[in-house]
């Protein structure tokens, strides 16, 4: 069985793999080290004399400074090693930003401007479930609506997820914030928010997180309020359904140039 381990060739300490006794002489990477103290299993000992204030090196990196002179073969632990960390106990981030950097040019991209002023680079219809319990309905709506994709409308996507119920605290808050952010995302030309009705993050609760929204762009369906979600949104046939109305509106929408400034650092 191996008695000790020197982890990195640049280390000035090694680790005891069993309790070592004062007076034992060990071969450490071809160098003889005689212990001047007992070394507990798992603890370090000095492979050479380490001066006060000198770095103690393990894994090839500094792990601290010697509080006092340490003999070759001596036990190295908290009694004779101090941290290399400073006295600063808090961290502050004060970014300067780009206050001294002037715009160096303009670049344009084709995008779709939404009613709130945001610009998307995609023109999709999104189905956003408030809870994982309606994932299968969301997927069925997506599948039925795929036939309407074309022109300037690039895709219809149901964003299935396992969240929205049986959550508490920050976990629940984060889910609600993410769902609200998705509903406002400019890559979505139109959004169907699909709820169940009994979930923690139901549509009435989620409205506080959504805030103001474009009523022409965002529609809501709570499954417990209708007998047939597919029939409610006109699959097949009904002309007043959400996807058809949004698709007809969005198919006329064209990509336009939008400028943003480029700042070189």
Protein backbone atom coordinates (compact mmCIF):
# COMPACT_ATOMS: atom_id res chain seq x y z
CA UNK A 1 0.00 0.00 0.00
CA UNK A 2 1.22 3.48 -0.86
CA UNK A 3 2.07 5.53 2.24
CA UNK A 4 2.04 9.05 0.82
CA UNK A 5 1.11 10.98 -2.31
CA UNK A 6 2.73 14.01 -3.88
CA UNK A 7 0.06 15.37 -6.18
CA UNK A 8 2.06 17.71 -8.39
CA UNK A 9 5.78 17.82 -9.12
CA UNK A 10 5.87 21.46 -7.99
CA UNK A 11 4.28 20.78 -4.60
CA UNK A 12 6.30 21.50 -1.46
CA UNK A 13 3.96 19.33 0.64
CA UNK A 14 2.78 15.73 0.39
CA UNK A 15 -0.23 13.94 1.91
CA UNK A 16 -0.14 11.02 4.35
CA UNK A 17 -2.28 8.07 3.24
CA UNK A 18 -1.91 6.42 6.65
CA UNK A 19 -0.91 7.71 10.09
CA UNK A 20 2.83 8.43 9.91
CA UNK A 21 5.17 8.45 12.88
CA UNK A 22 7.87 10.88 13.90
CA UNK A 23 11.28 9.56 12.81
CA UNK A 24 10.01 7.63 9.78
CA UNK A 25 12.02 8.18 6.61
CA UNK A 26 10.01 8.24 3.44
CA UNK A 27 10.93 8.18 -0.22
CA UNK A 28 9.01 10.98 -1.94
CA UNK A 29 9.60 11.02 -5.70
CA UNK A 30 13.18 9.88 -5.17
CA UNK A 31 13.91 12.26 -2.27
CA UNK A 32 14.30 11.10 1.34
CA UNK A 33 12.18 12.93 3.90
CA UNK A 34 12.48 12.17 7.62
CA UNK A 35 9.44 13.17 9.64
CA UNK A 36 9.99 15.41 12.64
CA UNK A 37 6.41 15.03 13.89
CA UNK A 38 3.58 12.51 13.77
CA UNK A 39 1.41 13.12 10.71
CA UNK A 40 -2.31 12.20 10.89
CA UNK A 41 -3.79 10.30 7.96
CA UNK A 42 -4.96 12.68 5.23
CA UNK A 43 -2.80 15.54 6.47
CA UNK A 44 0.15 17.31 4.84
CA UNK A 45 3.84 17.38 5.69
CA UNK A 46 6.63 19.56 4.35
CA UNK A 47 8.93 18.12 1.68
CA UNK A 48 11.50 20.84 2.28
CA UNK A 49 12.01 23.74 4.65
CA UNK A 50 9.41 26.46 4.04
CA UNK A 51 10.27 29.97 5.22
CA UNK A 52 7.82 32.18 7.09
CA UNK A 53 5.61 33.99 4.56
CA UNK A 54 6.54 31.58 1.74
CA UNK A 55 3.86 29.97 -0.38
CA UNK A 56 2.59 26.51 0.57
CA UNK A 57 2.00 24.68 -2.71
CA UNK A 58 -0.38 21.75 -3.30
CA UNK A 59 -1.92 20.60 -6.61
CA UNK A 60 0.74 22.79 -8.20
CA UNK A 61 -0.92 25.94 -6.84
CA UNK A 62 -0.61 28.12 -3.77
CA UNK A 63 -3.00 27.09 -1.02
CA UNK A 64 -1.74 29.56 1.57
CA UNK A 65 1.30 31.11 3.25
CA UNK A 66 3.46 29.75 6.05
CA UNK A 67 2.66 31.56 9.32
CA UNK A 68 6.08 30.59 10.63
CA UNK A 69 9.15 28.72 9.46
CA UNK A 70 8.26 25.07 8.77
CA UNK A 71 10.89 22.35 8.99
CA UNK A 72 11.32 19.66 6.38
CA UNK A 73 9.24 16.68 7.56
CA UNK A 74 6.96 18.81 9.77
CA UNK A 75 3.18 18.63 9.96
CA UNK A 76 1.58 21.31 7.78
CA UNK A 77 -1.89 22.38 8.88
CA UNK A 78 -3.96 25.37 10.02
CA UNK A 79 -1.63 26.01 12.97
CA UNK A 80 1.21 27.02 10.65
CA UNK A 81 -0.56 27.95 7.37
CA UNK A 82 -2.72 31.01 6.77
CA UNK A 83 -5.08 31.79 3.93
CA UNK A 84 -3.91 33.67 0.87
CA UNK A 85 -7.23 35.50 0.72
CA UNK A 86 -7.29 39.18 1.55
CA UNK A 87 -9.41 40.95 4.15
CA UNK A 88 -12.12 42.01 1.68
CA UNK A 89 -15.31 40.22 2.73
CA UNK A 90 -17.76 41.72 0.24
CA UNK A 91 -17.85 42.01 -3.53
CA UNK A 92 -19.14 44.98 -5.49
CA UNK A 93 -19.63 45.18 -9.23
CA UNK A 94 -19.41 48.68 -10.65
CA UNK A 95 -19.30 48.44 -14.43
CA UNK A 96 -18.22 51.52 -16.32
CA UNK A 97 -20.02 50.44 -19.45
CA UNK A 98 -19.28 52.14 -22.74
CA UNK A 99 -19.57 55.76 -21.65
CA UNK A 100 -16.35 56.75 -23.38
CA UNK A 101 -16.94 54.73 -26.55
CA UNK A 102 -18.54 56.40 -29.53
CA UNK A 103 -20.60 54.54 -32.13
CA UNK A 104 -18.37 53.53 -35.00
CA UNK A 105 -21.02 52.51 -37.49
CA UNK A 106 -24.51 51.21 -38.09
CA UNK A 107 -25.56 47.70 -39.01
CA UNK A 108 -28.99 46.68 -40.25
CA UNK A 109 -30.97 43.48 -39.93
CA UNK A 110 -34.30 42.34 -41.30
CA UNK A 111 -36.86 41.93 -38.56
CA UNK A 112 -40.50 42.13 -37.54
CA UNK A 113 -41.50 45.10 -35.40
CA UNK A 114 -44.14 44.36 -32.76
CA UNK A 115 -46.70 46.74 -31.30
CA UNK A 116 -44.60 47.27 -28.15
CA UNK A 117 -41.61 48.41 -30.23
CA UNK A 118 -39.58 45.22 -29.89
CA UNK A 119 -38.22 43.60 -33.04
CA UNK A 120 -38.13 39.87 -33.70
CA UNK A 121 -35.96 38.00 -36.15
CA UNK A 122 -38.56 35.24 -36.51
CA UNK A 123 -42.28 35.31 -37.23
CA UNK A 124 -43.75 32.29 -35.46
CA UNK A 125 -46.94 31.33 -33.64
CA UNK A 126 -46.27 30.06 -30.13
CA UNK A 127 -48.49 27.90 -27.93
CA UNK A 128 -47.39 28.40 -24.31
CA UNK A 129 -48.85 25.99 -21.72
CA UNK A 130 -49.10 27.36 -18.19
CA UNK A 131 -48.74 23.85 -16.77
CA UNK A 132 -47.37 20.49 -17.89
CA UNK A 133 -50.82 18.91 -17.57
CA UNK A 134 -51.91 20.45 -20.89
CA UNK A 135 -48.80 19.53 -22.86
CA UNK A 136 -50.62 16.92 -24.93
CA UNK A 137 -53.36 19.43 -25.84
CA UNK A 138 -50.74 22.02 -26.79
CA UNK A 139 -49.03 19.46 -29.03
CA UNK A 140 -52.33 18.50 -30.66
CA UNK A 141 -53.10 22.15 -31.39
CA UNK A 142 -49.61 22.59 -32.86
CA UNK A 143 -50.03 19.54 -35.10
CA UNK A 144 -53.45 20.65 -36.33
CA UNK A 145 -52.24 24.19 -37.06
CA UNK A 146 -49.08 23.22 -38.94
CA UNK A 147 -51.05 23.19 -42.18
CA UNK A 148 -51.39 26.97 -41.92
CA UNK A 149 -47.63 27.59 -41.92
CA UNK A 150 -46.40 29.41 -44.99
CA UNK A 151 -45.68 32.80 -46.45
CA UNK A 152 -44.15 35.03 -43.80
CA UNK A 153 -45.20 32.75 -40.94
CA UNK A 154 -42.28 30.44 -40.33
CA UNK A 155 -43.60 27.92 -37.82
CA UNK A 156 -46.12 27.03 -35.11
CA UNK A 157 -44.50 25.73 -31.93
CA UNK A 158 -45.90 24.33 -28.67
CA UNK A 159 -43.43 24.89 -25.83
CA UNK A 160 -44.09 21.86 -23.65
CA UNK A 161 -42.65 21.82 -20.10
CA UNK A 162 -43.24 19.95 -16.80
CA UNK A 163 -43.79 23.03 -14.59
CA UNK A 164 -46.64 25.28 -13.41
CA UNK A 165 -48.12 23.23 -10.57
CA UNK A 166 -46.94 21.76 -7.25
CA UNK A 167 -44.28 24.46 -7.09
CA UNK A 168 -43.52 26.85 -4.25
CA UNK A 169 -41.36 29.86 -3.45
CA UNK A 170 -38.67 31.00 -5.88
CA UNK A 171 -39.18 27.90 -8.03
CA UNK A 172 -42.78 28.90 -8.73
CA UNK A 173 -41.89 32.58 -9.16
CA UNK A 174 -39.22 31.76 -11.72
CA UNK A 175 -41.67 29.64 -13.74
CA UNK A 176 -44.20 32.48 -13.85
CA UNK A 177 -41.55 35.02 -14.89
CA UNK A 178 -40.22 32.76 -17.65
CA UNK A 179 -43.72 32.12 -19.02
CA UNK A 180 -44.50 35.86 -19.00
CA UNK A 181 -41.22 36.64 -20.76
CA UNK A 182 -41.98 34.05 -23.44
CA UNK A 183 -45.41 35.57 -24.04
CA UNK A 184 -43.78 38.97 -24.68
CA UNK A 185 -40.93 37.59 -26.81
CA UNK A 186 -40.77 39.44 -30.15
CA UNK A 187 -40.00 36.30 -32.15
CA UNK A 188 -43.60 35.27 -31.56
CA UNK A 189 -46.01 36.93 -33.99
CA UNK A 190 -48.88 35.50 -31.98
CA UNK A 191 -49.21 33.55 -28.73
CA UNK A 192 -51.88 31.20 -27.45
CA UNK A 193 -51.58 30.91 -23.67
CA UNK A 194 -53.03 27.51 -22.84
CA UNK A 195 -54.07 26.90 -19.23
CA UNK A 196 -55.85 24.15 -17.34
CA UNK A 197 -57.62 26.12 -14.60
CA UNK A 198 -56.60 24.47 -11.35
CA UNK A 199 -52.82 24.93 -11.54
CA UNK A 200 -50.81 27.23 -9.25
CA UNK A 201 -49.78 29.35 -12.23
CA UNK A 202 -53.21 29.58 -13.82
CA UNK A 203 -54.07 32.28 -16.35
CA UNK A 204 -55.66 34.76 -13.87
CA UNK A 205 -52.58 34.52 -11.63
CA UNK A 206 -50.24 34.78 -14.61
CA UNK A 207 -51.92 37.99 -15.80
CA UNK A 208 -50.17 39.92 -13.01
CA UNK A 209 -46.82 38.79 -14.43
CA UNK A 210 -47.77 39.41 -18.05
CA UNK A 211 -48.92 42.99 -17.48
CA UNK A 212 -49.87 45.00 -20.56
CA UNK A 213 -50.08 43.04 -23.79
CA UNK A 214 -51.28 43.32 -27.38
CA UNK A 215 -54.76 41.77 -27.45
CA UNK A 216 -54.47 41.14 -31.18
CA UNK A 217 -51.30 39.13 -30.63
CA UNK A 218 -51.93 37.21 -27.38
CA UNK A 219 -54.97 34.99 -26.80
CA UNK A 220 -55.94 32.80 -23.86
CA UNK A 221 -57.67 29.45 -23.54
CA UNK A 222 -58.45 27.77 -20.21
CA UNK A 223 -59.23 24.11 -20.86
CA UNK A 224 -61.62 23.58 -17.94
CA UNK A 225 -63.88 26.31 -19.36
CA UNK A 226 -64.57 24.51 -22.64
CA UNK A 227 -65.72 21.05 -23.65
CA UNK A 228 -63.40 20.66 -26.63
CA UNK A 229 -60.26 22.76 -26.98
CA UNK A 230 -59.84 21.78 -30.63
CA UNK A 231 -63.40 22.78 -31.52
CA UNK A 232 -63.07 26.07 -29.62
CA UNK A 233 -60.23 27.07 -31.87
CA UNK A 234 -61.89 25.80 -35.02
CA UNK A 235 -60.15 22.54 -35.89
CA UNK A 236 -61.36 21.81 -38.38
CA UNK A 237 -63.08 24.68 -40.12
CA UNK A 238 -63.99 27.57 -37.86
CA UNK A 239 -62.72 30.81 -39.46
CA UNK A 240 -62.54 32.77 -36.20
CA UNK A 241 -59.86 30.62 -34.63
CA UNK A 242 -56.70 32.16 -33.22
CA UNK A 243 -54.16 30.60 -35.53
CA UNK A 244 -56.00 31.46 -38.73
CA UNK A 245 -56.59 35.07 -37.66
CA UNK A 246 -53.01 35.62 -36.63
CA UNK A 247 -51.65 33.80 -39.65
CA UNK A 248 -53.75 35.88 -42.02
CA UNK A 249 -52.54 39.06 -40.31
CA UNK A 250 -48.91 37.98 -40.11
CA UNK A 251 -48.73 36.68 -43.65
CA UNK A 252 -49.05 40.30 -44.77
CA UNK A 253 -46.28 41.47 -42.48
CA UNK A 254 -42.95 41.99 -44.20
CA UNK A 255 -39.44 42.06 -42.87
CA UNK A 256 -38.09 45.60 -42.63
CA UNK A 257 -34.66 47.04 -41.95
CA UNK A 258 -33.83 47.85 -38.34
CA UNK A 259 -30.70 49.70 -37.35
CA UNK A 260 -28.50 49.11 -34.35
CA UNK A 261 -25.25 50.79 -33.43
CA UNK A 262 -21.96 48.97 -33.36
CA UNK A 263 -19.48 49.97 -30.67
CA UNK A 264 -15.94 48.68 -30.93
CA UNK A 265 -13.93 48.15 -27.74
